Amino acid sequence: MPLTPELARWRKAERATLIERRIAANAADHARWSASIADFLTRSCPFGTGWVVGLCWPFQAEFDARPVAEHFRAAGARLALPAVVARARPLEFREWWPGAELEAGVYGLLVPKGTAAVVPDALLVPPVGIGSVGDRLGYGGGFFDRTLAALDPRPLTFAHAFELSRIPTTHPQPHDILMDFLVTEAGVEAAVAGGLERVTPEECRAQAVRLARERSLPRRPLPSG
């Protein structure tokens, strides 16, 4: 379902405002907020052996999820970065590790060169804006919503954003897919009926494990014993 012209204009303007606000944050605040998000993600996400975790190369002063992802890799997870393969198509995820050869993809974002295509079991998602029910405002291409809709079972989704990215609503449409969890420098929240609920990292981890079991994630069988 296409957006109305009015909503499309509102989202474009809101997106520009939020990106400008993020870029304008001073370096000390950015570093402090990032350290808190990294700590919360590390303690909240149950990713290790058997998991494929998708993340994004940082863009326009986003939180850099790579150090956290390397923590999951050290625990046995495989990592992947997204690549745009065509307009109005789901993203393709290619395996990535520190030191893997990269090339410039669409929008100038770096993507792995020549590595295997993989299907993520979990995604670390960098929204431009985050609403009050786990709805997210992205960069406008619809790639993440299209990708999540195409994957069965649907990956666990952890949105990570600075508190300055919060807005009352993104005016989600029927095709917009809510995030499972939101992590900011202020803490962790789980999406519940009608909103977001503050949880501890330990509670988040337990909820993520239960949700993964319900969705039969990770897709690959875990080693016995």
C-alpha atoms as a PDB file:
ATOM      1  CA  MET A   1       0.000   0.000   0.000  1.00  0.00           C
ATOM      2  CA  PRO A   2       1.638   3.287  -1.083  1.00  0.00           C
ATOM      3  CA  LEU A   3       1.998   6.148   1.368  1.00  0.00           C
ATOM      4  CA  THR A   4      -0.253   9.139   0.942  1.00  0.00           C
ATOM      5  CA  PRO A   5       1.588  12.169  -0.443  1.00  0.00           C
ATOM      6  CA  GLU A   6       1.052  13.977   2.857  1.00  0.00           C
ATOM      7  CA  LEU A   7       2.578  11.181   4.939  1.00  0.00           C
ATOM      8  CA  ALA A   8       5.471  10.768   2.505  1.00  0.00           C
ATOM      9  CA  ARG A   9       6.278  14.484   2.805  1.00  0.00           C
ATOM     10  CA  TRP A  10       6.023  14.342   6.608  1.00  0.00           C
ATOM     11  CA  ARG A  11       8.328  11.333   6.822  1.00  0.00           C
ATOM     12  CA  LYS A  12      10.880  12.943   4.516  1.00  0.00           C
ATOM     13  CA  ALA A  13      10.960  16.110   6.616  1.00  0.00           C
ATOM     14  CA  GLU A  14      11.081  14.175   9.912  1.00  0.00           C
ATOM     15  CA  ARG A  15      13.867  11.975   8.585  1.00  0.00           C
ATOM     16  CA  ALA A  16      15.962  14.996   7.643  1.00  0.00           C
ATOM     17  CA  THR A  17      15.419  16.589  11.059  1.00  0.00           C
ATOM     18  CA  LEU A  18      16.369  13.429  12.956  1.00  0.00           C
ATOM     19  CA  ILE A  19      19.506  12.788  10.900  1.00  0.00           C
ATOM     20  CA  GLU A  20      20.612  16.402  11.366  1.00  0.00           C
ATOM     21  CA  ARG A  21      20.011  16.101  15.121  1.00  0.00           C
ATOM     22  CA  ARG A  22      22.079  12.906  15.295  1.00  0.00           C
ATOM     23  CA  ILE A  23      24.966  14.342  13.293  1.00  0.00           C
ATOM     24  CA  ALA A  24      24.969  17.471  15.463  1.00  0.00           C
ATOM     25  CA  ALA A  25      25.490  15.522  18.710  1.00  0.00           C
ATOM     26  CA  ASN A  26      28.900  16.248  20.178  1.00  0.00           C
ATOM     27  CA  ALA A  27      31.559  13.559  20.103  1.00  0.00           C
ATOM     28  CA  ALA A  28      31.671  13.029  23.873  1.00  0.00           C
ATOM     29  CA  ASP A  29      27.925  12.433  24.084  1.00  0.00           C
ATOM     30  CA  HIS A  30      28.016  10.141  21.045  1.00  0.00           C
ATOM     31  CA  ALA A  31      30.801   8.064  22.606  1.00  0.00           C
ATOM     32  CA  ARG A  32      29.046   7.843  25.978  1.00  0.00           C
ATOM     33  CA  TRP A  33      25.687   6.909  24.467  1.00  0.00           C
ATOM     34  CA  SER A  34      27.336   4.335  22.206  1.00  0.00           C
ATOM     35  CA  ALA A  35      29.122   2.687  25.125  1.00  0.00           C
ATOM     36  CA  SER A  36      25.818   2.333  26.988  1.00  0.00           C
ATOM     37  CA  ILE A  37      24.034   0.860  23.960  1.00  0.00           C
ATOM     38  CA  ALA A  38      26.887  -1.584  23.393  1.00  0.00           C
ATOM     39  CA  ASP A  39      26.719  -2.734  27.008  1.00  0.00           C
ATOM     40  CA  PHE A  40      22.937  -3.193  26.908  1.00  0.00           C
ATOM     41  CA  LEU A  41      23.071  -5.103  23.600  1.00  0.00           C
ATOM     42  CA  THR A  42      25.854  -7.372  24.797  1.00  0.00           C
ATOM     43  CA  ARG A  43      23.864  -8.332  27.897  1.00  0.00           C
ATOM     44  CA  SER A  44      20.450  -8.490  26.188  1.00  0.00           C
ATOM     45  CA  CYS A  45      21.102 -10.540  23.030  1.00  0.00           C
ATOM     46  CA  PRO A  46      21.469 -14.353  23.289  1.00  0.00           C
ATOM     47  CA  PHE A  47      23.474 -14.731  20.083  1.00  0.00           C
ATOM     48  CA  GLY A  48      26.194 -17.344  19.851  1.00  0.00           C
ATOM     49  CA  THR A  49      26.833 -20.653  18.115  1.00  0.00           C
ATOM     50  CA  GLY A  50      24.277 -21.418  15.396  1.00  0.00           C
ATOM     51  CA  TRP A  51      23.102 -17.825  14.966  1.00  0.00           C
ATOM     52  CA  VAL A  52      23.527 -15.589  11.923  1.00  0.00           C
ATOM     53  CA  VAL A  53      23.346 -11.954  13.015  1.00  0.00           C
ATOM     54  CA  GLY A  54      22.799  -9.178  10.482  1.00  0.00           C
ATOM     55  CA  LEU A  55      24.051  -5.670  11.163  1.00  0.00           C
ATOM     56  CA  CYS A  56      24.603  -2.492   9.170  1.00  0.00           C
ATOM     57  CA  TRP A  57      27.758  -0.545   8.415  1.00  0.00           C
ATOM     58  CA  PRO A  58      27.371   2.723  10.397  1.00  0.00           C
ATOM     59  CA  PHE A  59      25.991   5.633   8.391  1.00  0.00           C
ATOM     60  CA  GLN A  60      25.535   9.334   9.182  1.00  0.00           C
ATOM     61  CA  ALA A  61      26.615   9.190  12.838  1.00  0.00           C
ATOM     62  CA  GLU A  62      24.616   6.046  13.703  1.00  0.00           C
ATOM     63  CA  PHE A  63      25.609   3.831  16.596  1.00  0.00           C
ATOM     64  CA  ASP A  64      28.402   1.551  15.368  1.00  0.00           C
ATOM     65  CA  ALA A  65      27.213  -2.021  15.968  1.00  0.00           C
ATOM     66  CA  ARG A  66      30.406  -3.681  14.717  1.00  0.00           C
ATOM     67  CA  PRO A  67      32.195  -4.059  18.090  1.00  0.00           C
ATOM     68  CA  VAL A  68      29.067  -5.623  19.633  1.00  0.00           C
ATOM     69  CA  ALA A  69      28.706  -7.928  16.633  1.00  0.00           C
ATOM     70  CA  GLU A  70      32.324  -9.008  17.070  1.00  0.00           C
ATOM     71  CA  HIS A  71      31.422  -9.991  20.637  1.00  0.00           C
ATOM     72  CA  PHE A  72      28.701 -12.277  19.242  1.00  0.00           C
ATOM     73  CA  ARG A  73      31.143 -13.656  16.680  1.00  0.00           C
ATOM     74  CA  ALA A  74      33.561 -14.521  19.470  1.00  0.00           C
ATOM     75  CA  ALA A  75      30.672 -16.449  21.063  1.00  0.00           C
ATOM     76  CA  GLY A  76      30.224 -18.485  17.863  1.00  0.00           C
ATOM     77  CA  ALA A  77      27.763 -16.454  15.770  1.00  0.00           C
ATOM     78  CA  ARG A  78      28.251 -15.663  12.093  1.00  0.00           C
ATOM     79  CA  LEU A  79      27.838 -12.049  10.978  1.00  0.00           C
ATOM     80  CA  ALA A  80      26.345 -10.571   7.830  1.00  0.00           C
ATOM     81  CA  LEU A  81      25.939  -7.182   6.160  1.00  0.00           C
ATOM     82  CA  PRO A  82      23.044  -6.242   3.855  1.00  0.00           C
ATOM     83  CA  ALA A  83      23.321  -5.501   0.161  1.00  0.00           C
ATOM     84  CA  VAL A  84      20.716  -3.858  -2.041  1.00  0.00           C
ATOM     85  CA  VAL A  85      20.251  -6.106  -5.065  1.00  0.00           C
ATOM     86  CA  ALA A  86      17.404  -4.272  -6.797  1.00  0.00           C
ATOM     87  CA  ARG A  87      14.801  -1.599  -6.187  1.00  0.00           C
ATOM     88  CA  ALA A  88      11.670  -2.906  -4.411  1.00  0.00           C
ATOM     89  CA  ARG A  89      13.411  -6.205  -3.592  1.00  0.00           C
ATOM     90  CA  PRO A  90      14.385  -7.649  -0.187  1.00  0.00           C
ATOM     91  CA  LEU A  91      17.926  -7.136   0.977  1.00  0.00           C
ATOM     92  CA  GLU A  92      20.522  -9.833   0.448  1.00  0.00           C
ATOM     93  CA  PHE A  93      22.774 -10.578   3.418  1.00  0.00           C
ATOM     94  CA  ARG A  94      26.395 -11.529   2.825  1.00  0.00           C
ATOM     95  CA  GLU A  95      28.656 -13.033   5.448  1.00  0.00           C
ATOM     96  CA  TRP A  96      31.097 -10.576   6.985  1.00  0.00           C
ATOM     97  CA  TRP A  97      33.949 -10.741   9.451  1.00  0.00           C
ATOM     98  CA  PRO A  98      36.566  -8.173  10.464  1.00  0.00           C
ATOM     99  CA  GLY A  99      39.086  -8.010   7.641  1.00  0.00           C
ATOM    100  CA  ALA A 100      36.736  -9.340   4.940  1.00  0.00           C
ATOM    101  CA  GLU A 101      37.152  -7.593   1.597  1.00  0.00           C
ATOM    102  CA  LEU A 102      34.527  -4.899   1.017  1.00  0.00           C
ATOM    103  CA  GLU A 103      33.255  -2.954  -1.964  1.00  0.00           C
ATOM    104  CA  ALA A 104      30.989   0.064  -2.355  1.00  0.00           C
ATOM    105  CA  GLY A 105      27.364  -0.879  -2.846  1.00  0.00           C
ATOM    106  CA  VAL A 106      24.203   1.146  -3.442  1.00  0.00           C
ATOM    107  CA  TYR A 107      24.242   4.555  -1.663  1.00  0.00           C
ATOM    108  CA  GLY A 108      27.993   4.108  -1.212  1.00  0.00           C
ATOM    109  CA  LEU A 109      27.577   1.717   1.707  1.00  0.00           C
ATOM    110  CA  LEU A 110      30.236  -0.949   2.052  1.00  0.00           C
ATOM    111  CA  VAL A 111      29.216  -4.574   1.431  1.00  0.00           C
ATOM    112  CA  PRO A 112      31.245  -7.801   1.545  1.00  0.00           C
ATOM    113  CA  LYS A 113      32.809  -8.798  -1.766  1.00  0.00           C
ATOM    114  CA  GLY A 114      32.457 -12.420  -2.846  1.00  0.00           C
ATOM    115  CA  THR A 115      31.307 -13.887   0.474  1.00  0.00           C
ATOM    116  CA  ALA A 116      28.430 -16.326   0.917  1.00  0.00           C
ATOM    117  CA  ALA A 117      24.817 -15.185   0.942  1.00  0.00           C
ATOM    118  CA  VAL A 118      23.221 -16.115   4.272  1.00  0.00           C
ATOM    119  CA  VAL A 119      19.820 -15.807   5.922  1.00  0.00           C
ATOM    120  CA  PRO A 120      19.887 -13.867   9.213  1.00  0.00           C
ATOM    121  CA  ASP A 121      18.297 -15.225  12.376  1.00  0.00           C
ATOM    122  CA  ALA A 122      18.531 -11.832  14.055  1.00  0.00           C
ATOM    123  CA  LEU A 123      18.971  -8.258  12.911  1.00  0.00           C
ATOM    124  CA  LEU A 124      20.548  -5.267  14.623  1.00  0.00           C
ATOM    125  CA  VAL A 125      18.514  -2.496  12.983  1.00  0.00           C
ATOM    126  CA  PRO A 126      19.539   1.197  12.960  1.00  0.00           C
ATOM    127  CA  PRO A 127      16.368   3.291  12.649  1.00  0.00           C
ATOM    128  CA  VAL A 128      16.417   6.993  11.878  1.00  0.00           C
ATOM    129  CA  GLY A 129      13.453   7.455  14.185  1.00  0.00           C
ATOM    130  CA  ILE A 130      11.676   5.183  16.625  1.00  0.00           C
ATOM    131  CA  GLY A 131       8.022   5.495  17.633  1.00  0.00           C
ATOM    132  CA  SER A 132       6.258   4.581  20.848  1.00  0.00           C
ATOM    133  CA  VAL A 133       5.105   1.076  19.842  1.00  0.00           C
ATOM    134  CA  GLY A 134       8.296  -0.249  18.250  1.00  0.00           C
ATOM    135  CA  ASP A 135       7.567   1.361  14.895  1.00  0.00           C
ATOM    136  CA  ARG A 136      10.583   2.719  13.056  1.00  0.00           C
ATOM    137  CA  LEU A 137      11.344   5.393  10.524  1.00  0.00           C
ATOM    138  CA  GLY A 138      14.058   4.280   8.116  1.00  0.00           C
ATOM    139  CA  TYR A 139      15.778   5.929   5.200  1.00  0.00           C
ATOM    140  CA  GLY A 140      12.759   5.659   2.933  1.00  0.00           C
ATOM    141  CA  GLY A 141      13.570   2.712   0.701  1.00  0.00           C
ATOM    142  CA  GLY A 142      11.398   0.185   2.537  1.00  0.00           C
ATOM    143  CA  PHE A 143      14.164  -2.419   2.357  1.00  0.00           C
ATOM    144  CA  PHE A 144      14.024  -3.680   5.931  1.00  0.00           C
ATOM    145  CA  ASP A 145      10.228  -4.030   5.992  1.00  0.00           C
ATOM    146  CA  ARG A 146      10.347  -5.836   2.641  1.00  0.00           C
ATOM    147  CA  THR A 147      13.096  -8.131   3.909  1.00  0.00           C
ATOM    148  CA  LEU A 148      11.351  -8.967   7.184  1.00  0.00           C
ATOM    149  CA  ALA A 149       8.113  -9.693   5.345  1.00  0.00           C
ATOM    150  CA  ALA A 150       9.923 -12.113   3.021  1.00  0.00           C
ATOM    151  CA  LEU A 151      11.683 -14.139   5.744  1.00  0.00           C
ATOM    152  CA  ASP A 152       9.941 -17.064   7.435  1.00  0.00           C
ATOM    153  CA  PRO A 153      10.574 -17.450  10.280  1.00  0.00           C
ATOM    154  CA  ARG A 154      11.037 -13.752  10.876  1.00  0.00           C
ATOM    155  CA  PRO A 155      14.372 -12.820  12.461  1.00  0.00           C
ATOM    156  CA  LEU A 156      14.534 -11.353  15.936  1.00  0.00           C
ATOM    157  CA  THR A 157      14.871  -7.586  15.588  1.00  0.00           C
ATOM    158  CA  PHE A 158      16.791  -5.343  17.952  1.00  0.00           C
ATOM    159  CA  ALA A 159      16.530  -1.685  16.994  1.00  0.00           C
ATOM    160  CA  HIS A 160      19.381   0.419  18.343  1.00  0.00           C
ATOM    161  CA  ALA A 161      19.091   4.186  18.436  1.00  0.00           C
ATOM    162  CA  PHE A 162      19.990   7.206  20.506  1.00  0.00           C
ATOM    163  CA  GLU A 163      17.263   8.705  22.682  1.00  0.00           C
ATOM    164  CA  LEU A 164      17.252  11.767  20.449  1.00  0.00           C
ATOM    165  CA  SER A 165      15.757   9.535  17.737  1.00  0.00           C
ATOM    166  CA  ARG A 166      12.462   9.092  19.600  1.00  0.00           C
ATOM    167  CA  ILE A 167       9.284  10.533  18.136  1.00  0.00           C
ATOM    168  CA  PRO A 168       5.673   9.984  19.254  1.00  0.00           C
ATOM    169  CA  THR A 169       4.832   7.965  16.151  1.00  0.00           C
ATOM    170  CA  THR A 170       6.036   7.187  12.658  1.00  0.00           C
ATOM    171  CA  HIS A 171       2.399   6.727  11.587  1.00  0.00           C
ATOM    172  CA  PRO A 172       3.017   3.035  10.805  1.00  0.00           C
ATOM    173  CA  GLN A 173       1.254   1.568   7.803  1.00  0.00           C
ATOM    174  CA  PRO A 174      -0.026  -2.026   7.389  1.00  0.00           C
ATOM    175  CA  HIS A 175       3.235  -3.054   5.676  1.00  0.00           C
ATOM    176  CA  ASP A 176       5.455  -1.579   8.414  1.00  0.00           C
ATOM    177  CA  ILE A 177       6.837  -4.267  10.738  1.00  0.00           C
ATOM    178  CA  LEU A 178       7.401  -3.429  14.401  1.00  0.00           C
ATOM    179  CA  MET A 179      10.711  -4.156  16.079  1.00  0.00           C
ATOM    180  CA  ASP A 180      10.843  -6.828  18.801  1.00  0.00           C
ATOM    181  CA  PHE A 181      13.156  -4.839  21.064  1.00  0.00           C
ATOM    182  CA  LEU A 182      14.547  -1.325  21.302  1.00  0.00           C
ATOM    183  CA  VAL A 183      17.909  -0.494  22.863  1.00  0.00           C
ATOM    184  CA  THR A 184      19.002   3.085  23.570  1.00  0.00           C
ATOM    185  CA  GLU A 185      21.533   4.591  25.935  1.00  0.00           C
ATOM    186  CA  ALA A 186      18.705   4.790  28.498  1.00  0.00           C
ATOM    187  CA  GLY A 187      17.976   1.064  28.544  1.00  0.00           C
ATOM    188  CA  VAL A 188      16.089  -1.766  26.900  1.00  0.00           C
ATOM    189  CA  GLU A 189      12.422  -2.030  25.930  1.00  0.00           C
ATOM    190  CA  ALA A 190      10.353  -4.898  24.572  1.00  0.00           C
ATOM    191  CA  ALA A 191       7.463  -4.423  22.184  1.00  0.00           C
ATOM    192  CA  VAL A 192       4.187  -5.413  23.845  1.00  0.00           C
ATOM    193  CA  ALA A 193       0.568  -4.943  22.841  1.00  0.00           C
ATOM    194  CA  GLY A 194       0.069  -1.226  22.362  1.00  0.00           C
ATOM    195  CA  GLY A 195       3.519   0.010  23.263  1.00  0.00           C
ATOM    196  CA  LEU A 196       7.004  -0.548  24.629  1.00  0.00           C
ATOM    197  CA  GLU A 197       7.774  -1.988  28.061  1.00  0.00           C
ATOM    198  CA  ARG A 198      10.995  -1.284  29.952  1.00  0.00           C
ATOM    199  CA  VAL A 199      12.863  -4.486  30.789  1.00  0.00           C
ATOM    200  CA  THR A 200      16.240  -5.324  32.246  1.00  0.00           C
ATOM    201  CA  PRO A 201      18.889  -6.799  29.945  1.00  0.00           C
ATOM    202  CA  GLU A 202      18.403 -10.138  31.715  1.00  0.00           C
ATOM    203  CA  GLU A 203      14.631 -10.009  31.141  1.00  0.00           C
ATOM    204  CA  CYS A 204      15.211  -9.047  27.526  1.00  0.00           C
ATOM    205  CA  ARG A 205      17.569 -11.968  27.027  1.00  0.00           C
ATOM    206  CA  ALA A 206      15.027 -14.402  28.486  1.00  0.00           C
ATOM    207  CA  GLN A 207      12.239 -12.949  26.324  1.00  0.00           C
ATOM    208  CA  ALA A 208      14.449 -13.155  23.235  1.00  0.00           C
ATOM    209  CA  VAL A 209      15.183 -16.826  23.940  1.00  0.00           C
ATOM    210  CA  ARG A 210      11.455 -17.579  24.293  1.00  0.00           C
ATOM    211  CA  LEU A 211      10.631 -15.667  21.119  1.00  0.00           C
ATOM    212  CA  ALA A 212      13.401 -17.477  19.252  1.00  0.00           C
ATOM    213  CA  ARG A 213      11.975 -20.836  20.308  1.00  0.00           C
ATOM    214  CA  GLU A 214       8.505 -19.796  19.144  1.00  0.00           C
ATOM    215  CA  ARG A 215       9.943 -18.853  15.740  1.00  0.00           C
ATOM    216  CA  SER A 216      12.244 -21.911  15.539  1.00  0.00           C
ATOM    217  CA  LEU A 217      15.377 -19.794  15.541  1.00  0.00           C
ATOM    218  CA  PRO A 218      18.198 -20.119  14.826  1.00  0.00           C
ATOM    219  CA  ARG A 219      17.503 -21.936  11.578  1.00  0.00           C
ATOM    220  CA  ARG A 220      20.516 -24.229  11.800  1.00  0.00           C
ATOM    221  CA  PRO A 221      20.416 -27.013  14.374  1.00  0.00           C
ATOM    222  CA  LEU A 222      22.503 -26.239  17.434  1.00  0.00           C
ATOM    223  CA  PRO A 223      25.239 -28.695  18.374  1.00  0.00           C
ATOM    224  CA  SER A 224      24.158 -31.334  20.861  1.00  0.00           C
ATOM    225  CA  GLY A 225      25.537 -31.466  24.353  1.00  0.00           C
END
